[in-house]
Amino acid sequence: MNDNRQFLEKFFPIASFIAAIIGPKCEVVVHDVSDPERSIIFIENGHISGRKVGDASTDLVLKLLKAEAYREEQFIANYKASGKMGQSFRSSTFFIKNDDNELVGLMCLNIDITHMEAAAEWIQHILQGGSPLPPASIEAPQEDKQSKEYLQGNADDLLTHMIASVISKINIPVDRLSSQEKIELVRELNEQGVFLLKGGVSQVAAALAISEPTVYRYLQKLK
């Protein structure tokens, strides 16, 4: 057992405590950042997102690690996340640091607010005097649809999601992209933390229709 794991195990009872207080709609996860592909080492109420111990980091976790946001903040709170089954979450992340102030783990809370959002929209619609439409037919405001995190447990699926999200921002078929445009995509994928996962280079190469050595060459240019 490594030192990180021993240190992080102290937070397992706290995670259970929080989950017990907030209830079964609150998922609490402890991540070991030293192993992004299998970072989840403890989870309560994992049935909410479908994740389990041994699953990977999220896209937001990878981005935080790449940007080293933890150096300036102790936590980030109340951001929007989404699940692979279409759920909406209100999420928060606490940065777990060791005695040398180095990041070793994360404690993440993900509260399933899917039904609460539908109920809130229903109540607001009635208060405004509109016809009582069923909640499913009420469109959420655009800003509420923006998700900062995708709760996906499988590392390969996470990579696929992250790469597709970046490529979808452009309206040009991959086979018509210039070398410079592909470099810019690699830059953004790097900033998102895609290459912190072992399969990142191979999946990016396949998605951009280039070789793995070309991906490494582009990364070298970005340094």
Protein backbone atom coordinates (compact mmCIF):
# COMPACT_ATOMS: atom_id res chain seq x y z
CA MET A 1 0.00 0.00 0.00
CA ASN A 2 1.47 3.35 -1.02
CA ASP A 3 1.69 6.42 1.21
CA ASN A 4 -1.00 8.22 -0.82
CA ARG A 5 -3.50 5.44 -0.21
CA GLN A 6 -2.81 5.35 3.54
CA PHE A 7 -3.21 9.12 3.76
CA LEU A 8 -6.43 9.13 1.73
CA GLU A 9 -8.01 6.33 3.75
CA LYS A 10 -8.39 8.85 6.58
CA PHE A 11 -11.03 10.56 4.46
CA PHE A 12 -13.15 7.46 3.85
CA PRO A 13 -15.18 7.87 7.09
CA ILE A 14 -15.73 11.55 6.29
CA ALA A 15 -17.08 10.59 2.85
CA SER A 16 -19.46 8.07 4.47
CA PHE A 17 -20.49 10.67 7.04
CA ILE A 18 -21.37 13.23 4.35
CA ALA A 19 -23.29 10.67 2.29
CA ALA A 20 -25.27 9.58 5.36
CA ILE A 21 -26.23 13.18 6.16
CA ILE A 22 -27.26 14.26 2.66
CA GLY A 23 -28.86 10.95 1.74
CA PRO A 24 -29.00 8.37 -1.06
CA LYS A 25 -29.10 10.99 -3.83
CA CYS A 26 -25.61 12.17 -2.90
CA GLU A 27 -22.60 10.35 -4.32
CA VAL A 28 -19.32 10.93 -2.49
CA VAL A 29 -16.07 9.87 -4.16
CA VAL A 30 -12.43 9.84 -3.05
CA HIS A 31 -9.91 9.97 -5.92
CA ASP A 32 -6.21 9.08 -5.80
CA VAL A 33 -4.70 11.47 -8.35
CA SER A 34 -1.55 9.36 -8.76
CA ASP A 35 -3.48 6.90 -10.95
CA PRO A 36 -5.96 8.77 -13.22
CA GLU A 37 -7.09 5.61 -15.03
CA ARG A 38 -8.16 3.96 -11.75
CA SER A 39 -8.43 6.97 -9.49
CA ILE A 40 -11.62 6.07 -7.61
CA ILE A 41 -10.54 4.35 -4.40
CA PHE A 42 -13.71 4.91 -2.37
CA ILE A 43 -17.30 5.68 -3.30
CA GLU A 44 -20.63 5.96 -1.50
CA ASN A 45 -23.89 5.75 -3.45
CA GLY A 46 -22.06 4.91 -6.66
CA HIS A 47 -25.32 3.56 -8.11
CA ILE A 48 -26.26 7.18 -8.91
CA SER A 49 -23.61 7.58 -11.62
CA GLY A 50 -22.95 3.87 -12.17
CA ARG A 51 -19.32 4.21 -11.10
CA LYS A 52 -17.32 1.97 -8.77
CA VAL A 53 -13.94 1.59 -7.07
CA GLY A 54 -11.25 1.20 -9.72
CA ASP A 55 -12.94 3.49 -12.25
CA ALA A 56 -11.23 6.44 -13.90
CA SER A 57 -11.09 10.16 -13.21
CA THR A 58 -13.55 12.54 -14.87
CA ASP A 59 -12.86 15.11 -17.56
CA LEU A 60 -12.94 17.88 -14.96
CA VAL A 61 -10.49 16.06 -12.68
CA LEU A 62 -8.03 15.70 -15.56
CA LYS A 63 -8.41 19.37 -16.46
CA LEU A 64 -7.83 20.43 -12.83
CA LEU A 65 -4.69 18.29 -12.65
CA LYS A 66 -3.35 19.70 -15.91
CA ALA A 67 -4.07 23.32 -14.95
CA GLU A 68 -2.87 22.81 -11.35
CA ALA A 69 -5.91 24.79 -10.17
CA TYR A 70 -5.48 23.27 -6.72
CA ARG A 71 -2.45 25.50 -6.06
CA GLU A 72 -4.66 28.58 -5.75
CA GLU A 73 -7.85 27.07 -4.32
CA GLN A 74 -8.82 24.66 -1.56
CA PHE A 75 -12.03 23.55 -3.28
CA ILE A 76 -14.48 24.32 -6.07
CA ALA A 77 -18.18 24.20 -5.28
CA ASN A 78 -21.62 24.03 -6.83
CA TYR A 79 -20.84 23.41 -10.47
CA LYS A 80 -22.98 21.45 -12.92
CA ALA A 81 -22.18 17.87 -13.89
CA SER A 82 -23.95 15.31 -16.05
CA GLY A 83 -24.17 11.54 -15.98
CA LYS A 84 -23.96 8.98 -18.74
CA MET A 85 -27.67 8.24 -18.28
CA GLY A 86 -28.62 11.89 -18.73
CA GLN A 87 -28.78 12.87 -15.07
CA SER A 88 -28.01 16.36 -13.77
CA PHE A 89 -25.77 16.84 -10.75
CA ARG A 90 -24.77 19.71 -8.51
CA SER A 91 -21.15 18.91 -7.72
CA SER A 92 -18.30 20.09 -5.53
CA THR A 93 -14.65 19.04 -5.21
CA PHE A 94 -12.33 19.37 -2.23
CA PHE A 95 -8.57 19.22 -2.87
CA ILE A 96 -6.85 16.81 -0.49
CA LYS A 97 -3.24 17.82 0.12
CA ASN A 98 -0.51 16.20 2.19
CA ASP A 99 1.67 17.82 4.85
CA ASP A 100 3.91 19.24 2.11
CA ASN A 101 0.89 20.93 0.50
CA GLU A 102 1.06 18.60 -2.50
CA LEU A 103 -2.18 17.35 -4.05
CA VAL A 104 -2.69 13.64 -3.40
CA GLY A 105 -6.43 13.22 -3.81
CA LEU A 106 -9.88 14.70 -4.25
CA MET A 107 -13.15 14.31 -2.40
CA CYS A 108 -16.07 14.92 -4.76
CA LEU A 109 -19.75 15.30 -3.93
CA ASN A 110 -22.30 14.76 -6.68
CA ILE A 111 -25.92 15.44 -5.73
CA ASP A 112 -28.47 14.12 -8.22
CA ILE A 113 -30.79 17.07 -8.90
CA THR A 114 -32.49 15.68 -12.00
CA HIS A 115 -35.93 15.42 -10.39
CA MET A 116 -35.44 18.60 -8.37
CA GLU A 117 -34.80 20.56 -11.57
CA ALA A 118 -37.97 19.19 -13.13
CA ALA A 119 -39.97 20.01 -9.99
CA ALA A 120 -38.52 23.54 -9.78
CA GLU A 121 -39.38 24.24 -13.42
CA TRP A 122 -42.90 22.88 -12.86
CA ILE A 123 -43.43 25.09 -9.79
CA GLN A 124 -42.02 28.17 -11.54
CA HIS A 125 -44.27 27.60 -14.53
CA ILE A 126 -47.35 27.40 -12.32
CA LEU A 127 -46.34 30.47 -10.28
CA GLN A 128 -46.01 32.43 -13.51
CA GLY A 129 -49.60 31.52 -14.39
CA GLY A 130 -48.90 29.32 -17.39
CA SER A 131 -50.73 26.20 -18.41
CA PRO A 132 -49.63 23.22 -16.28
CA LEU A 133 -47.40 21.48 -18.82
CA PRO A 134 -45.72 18.22 -17.78
CA PRO A 135 -42.17 18.79 -16.44
CA ALA A 136 -40.59 16.80 -19.29
CA SER A 137 -41.92 19.32 -21.81
CA ILE A 138 -40.42 22.37 -20.09
CA GLU A 139 -37.10 23.49 -21.55
CA ALA A 140 -34.41 24.38 -19.02
CA PRO A 141 -32.62 27.72 -19.51
CA GLN A 142 -29.58 27.36 -21.77
CA GLU A 143 -27.11 28.26 -19.02
CA ASP A 144 -28.49 25.51 -16.81
CA LYS A 145 -27.70 22.94 -19.51
CA GLN A 146 -24.00 23.69 -19.42
CA SER A 147 -22.11 20.89 -17.73
CA LYS A 148 -18.58 21.30 -16.41
CA GLU A 149 -18.07 17.62 -15.68
CA TYR A 150 -19.06 14.29 -17.17
CA LEU A 151 -19.33 11.43 -14.69
CA GLN A 152 -18.02 8.45 -16.65
CA GLY A 153 -16.19 5.58 -15.03
CA ASN A 154 -14.52 3.83 -17.97
CA ALA A 155 -11.24 5.42 -19.10
CA ASP A 156 -11.74 4.55 -22.80
CA ASP A 157 -15.27 5.96 -22.81
CA LEU A 158 -14.04 9.07 -21.00
CA LEU A 159 -11.38 9.62 -23.66
CA THR A 160 -13.91 9.12 -26.44
CA HIS A 161 -16.22 11.68 -24.82
CA MET A 162 -13.48 14.26 -24.26
CA ILE A 163 -12.03 13.97 -27.77
CA ALA A 164 -15.46 14.09 -29.40
CA SER A 165 -16.40 17.17 -27.34
CA VAL A 166 -13.35 19.09 -28.56
CA ILE A 167 -13.62 18.02 -32.21
CA SER A 168 -17.36 18.83 -32.28
CA LYS A 169 -16.54 22.51 -31.75
CA ILE A 170 -15.29 22.77 -35.32
CA ASN A 171 -17.45 22.48 -38.44
CA ILE A 172 -14.80 20.95 -40.68
CA PRO A 173 -14.47 17.22 -41.41
CA VAL A 174 -11.31 15.79 -39.87
CA ASP A 175 -9.92 14.76 -43.25
CA ARG A 176 -10.05 18.39 -44.41
CA LEU A 177 -8.22 19.88 -41.42
CA SER A 178 -4.86 21.52 -41.99
CA SER A 179 -1.81 20.55 -39.93
CA GLN A 180 -2.09 23.80 -37.98
CA GLU A 181 -5.75 23.15 -37.18
CA LYS A 182 -4.85 19.69 -35.93
CA ILE A 183 -2.08 21.17 -33.79
CA GLU A 184 -4.62 23.54 -32.25
CA LEU A 185 -6.92 20.61 -31.48
CA VAL A 186 -4.03 18.76 -29.86
CA ARG A 187 -3.30 21.90 -27.84
CA GLU A 188 -6.85 22.02 -26.49
CA LEU A 189 -6.94 18.29 -25.81
CA ASN A 190 -3.67 18.63 -23.92
CA GLU A 191 -5.10 21.47 -21.84
CA GLN A 192 -8.11 19.28 -21.07
CA GLY A 193 -5.77 16.61 -19.65
CA VAL A 194 -6.47 13.97 -22.30
CA PHE A 195 -2.82 12.91 -22.45
CA LEU A 196 -2.72 12.16 -18.72
CA LEU A 197 -4.47 8.90 -19.61
CA LYS A 198 -2.40 6.13 -21.17
CA GLY A 199 -4.62 5.68 -24.20
CA GLY A 200 -4.78 9.40 -24.94
CA VAL A 201 -2.20 9.52 -27.71
CA SER A 202 -3.55 6.52 -29.63
CA GLN A 203 -7.17 7.66 -29.43
CA VAL A 204 -6.32 11.21 -30.49
CA ALA A 205 -4.24 9.88 -33.39
CA ALA A 206 -7.15 7.74 -34.57
CA ALA A 207 -9.67 10.58 -34.17
CA LEU A 208 -7.53 13.05 -36.14
CA ALA A 209 -6.43 10.50 -38.75
CA ILE A 210 -2.74 11.00 -37.98
CA SER A 211 0.00 8.74 -36.61
CA GLU A 212 0.97 8.50 -32.95
CA PRO A 213 4.48 9.90 -33.69
CA THR A 214 2.74 12.91 -35.27
CA VAL A 215 0.76 13.50 -32.06
CA TYR A 216 4.02 13.39 -30.06
CA ARG A 217 5.60 15.81 -32.55
CA TYR A 218 2.70 18.22 -32.17
CA LEU A 219 2.99 18.01 -28.38
CA GLN A 220 6.69 18.84 -28.63
CA LYS A 221 5.82 21.95 -30.66
CA LEU A 222 3.46 23.10 -27.93
CA LYS A 223 6.11 23.11 -25.21
